[in-house]
C-alpha atoms as a PDB file:
ATOM      1  CA  MET A   1       0.313  -0.086   0.016  1.00  0.00           C
ATOM      2  CA  ALA A   2       2.955   2.676   0.966  1.00  0.00           C
ATOM      3  CA  TYR A   3       4.057   1.953  -3.101  1.00  0.00           C
ATOM      4  CA  VAL A   4       0.995   2.022  -4.559  1.00  0.00           C
ATOM      5  CA  PHE A   5       0.738   5.621  -1.900  1.00  0.00           C
ATOM      6  CA  LEU A   6       4.235   6.837  -3.428  1.00  0.00           C
ATOM      7  CA  PHE A   7       3.398   5.513  -7.223  1.00  0.00           C
ATOM      8  CA  ARG A   8       0.273   7.932  -7.047  1.00  0.00           C
ATOM      9  CA  THR A   9       2.348  11.013  -5.267  1.00  0.00           C
ATOM     10  CA  HIS A  10       4.859  10.454  -8.133  1.00  0.00           C
ATOM     11  CA  ASN A  11       2.814   9.816 -11.061  1.00  0.00           C
ATOM     12  CA  GLY A  12      -0.526  11.833 -10.014  1.00  0.00           C
ATOM     13  CA  SER A  13      -2.626   9.058 -11.226  1.00  0.00           C
ATOM     14  CA  ARG A  14      -5.194   7.808  -8.963  1.00  0.00           C
ATOM     15  CA  ALA A  15      -6.613   5.142 -11.707  1.00  0.00           C
ATOM     16  CA  GLY A  16      -3.009   4.543 -12.535  1.00  0.00           C
ATOM     17  CA  SER A  17      -2.154   3.494  -9.108  1.00  0.00           C
ATOM     18  CA  VAL A  18      -5.404   1.559  -8.591  1.00  0.00           C
ATOM     19  CA  GLY A  19      -4.170  -0.294 -11.542  1.00  0.00           C
ATOM     20  CA  PHE A  20      -0.781  -0.656 -10.235  1.00  0.00           C
ATOM     21  CA  PHE A  21      -1.864  -2.560  -6.669  1.00  0.00           C
ATOM     22  CA  PHE A  22      -4.472  -4.912  -8.708  1.00  0.00           C
ATOM     23  CA  GLY A  23      -1.532  -5.751 -10.934  1.00  0.00           C
ATOM     24  CA  ALA A  24       0.426  -6.333  -8.029  1.00  0.00           C
ATOM     25  CA  LEU A  25      -1.522  -8.637  -5.876  1.00  0.00           C
ATOM     26  CA  LEU A  26      -1.183 -12.139  -7.513  1.00  0.00           C
ATOM     27  CA  PRO A  27       2.699 -11.411  -8.021  1.00  0.00           C
ATOM     28  CA  CYS A  28       3.203 -10.228  -4.160  1.00  0.00           C
ATOM     29  CA  TYR A  29       1.254 -13.629  -3.250  1.00  0.00           C
ATOM     30  CA  CYS A  30       3.370 -15.882  -5.833  1.00  0.00           C
ATOM     31  CA  GLY A  31       6.094 -14.182  -4.202  1.00  0.00           C
ATOM     32  CA  THR A  32       4.450 -14.803  -0.566  1.00  0.00           C
ATOM     33  CA  VAL A  33       4.783 -18.928  -1.353  1.00  0.00           C
ATOM     34  CA  PHE A  34       7.689 -19.532  -3.615  1.00  0.00           C
ATOM     35  CA  PRO A  35      10.226 -19.421  -1.063  1.00  0.00           C
ATOM     36  CA  ASP A  36       8.344 -22.461   0.350  1.00  0.00           C
ATOM     37  CA  ALA A  37       8.425 -24.848  -2.499  1.00  0.00           C
ATOM     38  CA  ASP A  38      11.473 -26.059  -1.821  1.00  0.00           C
ATOM     39  CA  ILE A  39       9.493 -28.125   0.873  1.00  0.00           C
ATOM     40  CA  THR A  40       7.307 -30.185  -2.525  1.00  0.00           C
ATOM     41  CA  LEU A  41      10.391 -30.336  -4.062  1.00  0.00           C
ATOM     42  CA  PHE A  42      13.169 -31.234  -1.279  1.00  0.00           C
ATOM     43  CA  GLY A  43      11.044 -32.486   1.427  1.00  0.00           C
ATOM     44  CA  ILE A  44      10.532 -30.411   4.931  1.00  0.00           C
ATOM     45  CA  GLY A  45      14.359 -31.230   5.465  1.00  0.00           C
ATOM     46  CA  GLY A  46      15.272 -29.275   3.155  1.00  0.00           C
ATOM     47  CA  HIS A  47      12.855 -26.385   3.561  1.00  0.00           C
ATOM     48  CA  ARG A  48      14.696 -22.779   4.186  1.00  0.00           C
ATOM     49  CA  ASN A  49      17.165 -23.909   1.034  1.00  0.00           C
ATOM     50  CA  PRO A  50      19.219 -21.094   0.660  1.00  0.00           C
ATOM     51  CA  LEU A  51      18.855 -21.205  -3.184  1.00  0.00           C
ATOM     52  CA  PHE A  52      14.983 -20.682  -2.263  1.00  0.00           C
ATOM     53  CA  HIS A  53      14.681 -18.271   0.698  1.00  0.00           C
ATOM     54  CA  SER A  54      17.281 -15.194  -0.628  1.00  0.00           C
ATOM     55  CA  CYS A  55      16.564 -12.641  -3.644  1.00  0.00           C
ATOM     56  CA  LEU A  56      17.706 -14.518  -6.510  1.00  0.00           C
ATOM     57  CA  SER A  57      14.469 -15.557  -7.879  1.00  0.00           C
ATOM     58  CA  TYR A  58      13.122 -11.487  -7.479  1.00  0.00           C
ATOM     59  CA  TYR A  59      16.610 -10.885  -9.727  1.00  0.00           C
ATOM     60  CA  ALA A  60      15.989 -13.976 -12.053  1.00  0.00           C
ATOM     61  CA  LEU A  61      12.254 -12.339 -12.451  1.00  0.00           C
ATOM     62  CA  SER A  62      13.301  -9.228 -13.286  1.00  0.00           C
ATOM     63  CA  TRP A  63      16.280 -10.482 -15.602  1.00  0.00           C
ATOM     64  CA  LEU A  64      13.918 -12.455 -17.736  1.00  0.00           C
ATOM     65  CA  VAL A  65      11.156  -9.625 -18.181  1.00  0.00           C
ATOM     66  CA  ARG A  66      14.054  -6.822 -19.006  1.00  0.00           C
ATOM     67  CA  ASP A  67      13.046  -6.271 -22.409  1.00  0.00           C
ATOM     68  CA  TRP A  68       9.192  -6.077 -21.562  1.00  0.00           C
ATOM     69  CA  LYS A  69       7.254  -2.950 -21.321  1.00  0.00           C
ATOM     70  CA  TYR A  70       8.528  -0.937 -18.093  1.00  0.00           C
ATOM     71  CA  THR A  71       4.709  -0.250 -17.114  1.00  0.00           C
ATOM     72  CA  VAL A  72       3.365  -3.394 -18.383  1.00  0.00           C
ATOM     73  CA  THR A  73       6.445  -5.319 -15.211  1.00  0.00           C
ATOM     74  CA  GLN A  74       6.600  -2.471 -12.660  1.00  0.00           C
ATOM     75  CA  PRO A  75       3.389  -3.954 -10.731  1.00  0.00           C
ATOM     76  CA  LEU A  76       4.983  -7.831 -11.704  1.00  0.00           C
ATOM     77  CA  VAL A  77       8.218  -7.278 -10.352  1.00  0.00           C
ATOM     78  CA  THR A  78       7.439  -5.110  -7.280  1.00  0.00           C
ATOM     79  CA  GLY A  79       4.590  -7.150  -6.437  1.00  0.00           C
ATOM     80  CA  TYR A  80       6.509 -10.038  -6.435  1.00  0.00           C
ATOM     81  CA  GLY A  81       9.318  -8.716  -4.669  1.00  0.00           C
ATOM     82  CA  ILE A  82       7.305  -7.013  -1.900  1.00  0.00           C
ATOM     83  CA  GLY A  83       5.833 -10.610  -0.808  1.00  0.00           C
ATOM     84  CA  LEU A  84       9.290 -12.062  -1.373  1.00  0.00           C
ATOM     85  CA  ALA A  85      10.511  -9.781   1.300  1.00  0.00           C
ATOM     86  CA  SER A  86       7.589 -10.235   3.500  1.00  0.00           C
ATOM     87  CA  HIS A  87       8.156 -14.092   4.014  1.00  0.00           C
ATOM     88  CA  LEU A  88      12.401 -13.591   4.355  1.00  0.00           C
ATOM     89  CA  TRP A  89      11.625 -11.016   6.782  1.00  0.00           C
ATOM     90  CA  TRP A  90       8.560 -13.113   8.971  1.00  0.00           C
ATOM     91  CA  ASP A  91      11.383 -16.347   8.690  1.00  0.00           C
ATOM     92  CA  VAL A  92      13.590 -13.496  10.208  1.00  0.00           C
ATOM     93  CA  PHE A  93      11.191 -12.988  13.406  1.00  0.00           C
ATOM     94  CA  ASP A  94      10.158 -16.159  13.531  1.00  0.00           C
ATOM     95  CA  TYR A  95      13.721 -17.484  14.110  1.00  0.00           C
ATOM     96  CA  GLY A  96      13.784 -19.439  10.158  1.00  0.00           C
ATOM     97  CA  ASP A  97      17.101 -22.159  10.120  1.00  0.00           C
ATOM     98  CA  VAL A  98      18.637 -21.344   6.234  1.00  0.00           C
ATOM     99  CA  ARG A  99      20.002 -25.266   5.377  1.00  0.00           C
ATOM    100  CA  TRP A 100      24.043 -25.393   4.915  1.00  0.00           C
ATOM    101  CA  LEU A 101      24.621 -22.084   6.991  1.00  0.00           C
ATOM    102  CA  PRO A 102      26.137 -22.483  10.793  1.00  0.00           C
ATOM    103  CA  GLY A 103      24.459 -20.820  13.468  1.00  0.00           C
ATOM    104  CA  SER A 104      21.245 -18.637  14.204  1.00  0.00           C
ATOM    105  CA  MET A 105      23.194 -14.821  13.453  1.00  0.00           C
ATOM    106  CA  PHE A 106      23.936 -16.149   9.990  1.00  0.00           C
ATOM    107  CA  ASP A 107      20.727 -17.384   9.206  1.00  0.00           C
ATOM    108  CA  ARG A 108      19.173 -14.447  10.030  1.00  0.00           C
ATOM    109  CA  LEU A 109      21.629 -11.744   8.435  1.00  0.00           C
ATOM    110  CA  TRP A 110      20.981 -14.031   4.907  1.00  0.00           C
ATOM    111  CA  LEU A 111      17.664 -13.820   5.547  1.00  0.00           C
ATOM    112  CA  GLY A 112      16.933 -10.440   6.700  1.00  0.00           C
ATOM    113  CA  ALA A 113      19.712  -9.220   3.596  1.00  0.00           C
ATOM    114  CA  ASN A 114      17.799 -10.877   1.072  1.00  0.00           C
ATOM    115  CA  GLY A 115      14.985  -9.364   2.257  1.00  0.00           C
ATOM    116  CA  ILE A 116      15.997  -6.043   1.798  1.00  0.00           C
ATOM    117  CA  GLY A 117      17.677  -6.803  -1.718  1.00  0.00           C
ATOM    118  CA  ALA A 118      14.079  -8.446  -2.846  1.00  0.00           C
ATOM    119  CA  LEU A 119      12.445  -4.606  -1.707  1.00  0.00           C
ATOM    120  CA  ILE A 120      15.340  -2.869  -4.249  1.00  0.00           C
ATOM    121  CA  PRO A 121      13.349  -1.282  -6.900  1.00  0.00           C
ATOM    122  CA  LEU A 122      14.807  -2.028 -10.054  1.00  0.00           C
ATOM    123  CA  ARG A 123      14.955  -0.658 -13.526  1.00  0.00           C
ATOM    124  CA  HIS A 124      13.827  -2.208 -16.518  1.00  0.00           C
ATOM    125  CA  ASN A 125      14.617  -1.001 -20.356  1.00  0.00           C
ATOM    126  CA  THR A 126      11.575   0.862 -21.748  1.00  0.00           C
ATOM    127  CA  GLN A 127      12.989   0.115 -25.510  1.00  0.00           C
ATOM    128  CA  PRO A 128      14.165  -3.087 -26.142  1.00  0.00           C
ATOM    129  CA  SER A 129      17.325  -3.900 -26.371  1.00  0.00           C
ATOM    130  CA  GLN A 130      18.912  -3.417 -29.774  1.00  0.00           C
ATOM    131  CA  GLN A 131      20.903  -5.932 -31.300  1.00  0.00           C
ATOM    132  CA  VAL A 132      24.379  -5.292 -33.118  1.00  0.00           C
ATOM    133  CA  LYS A 133      24.401  -6.535 -36.393  1.00  0.00           C
ATOM    134  CA  ILE A 134      28.048  -7.268 -37.439  1.00  0.00           C
END
């Protein structure tokens, strides 16, 4: 909601901010549940795998849609990042144990830093990338 408020303040359009909000709802949910997909793949013993409990999927999604129109991808990527960050930060406060990392302090640092990394807004190209012909 805060991001939508900032979006509306920056762009000045109420209709645009409402569209942004509804466009970001489903990706936000997907970002919230994606880290727990490791339970399905690896079982409960592999839960909180560092690959799934990181901002790697956020940057991968951003990279995949880098050539799409920015106004279409902004709610998608931002919503996903907010959902992912909320999951990671919930695990910080819930004492989440990240596999392969020693000690609870490293686990919390990993989750917290990746939660912040998922909130960093990324700039996408507004124009499709131009290929250089040789």
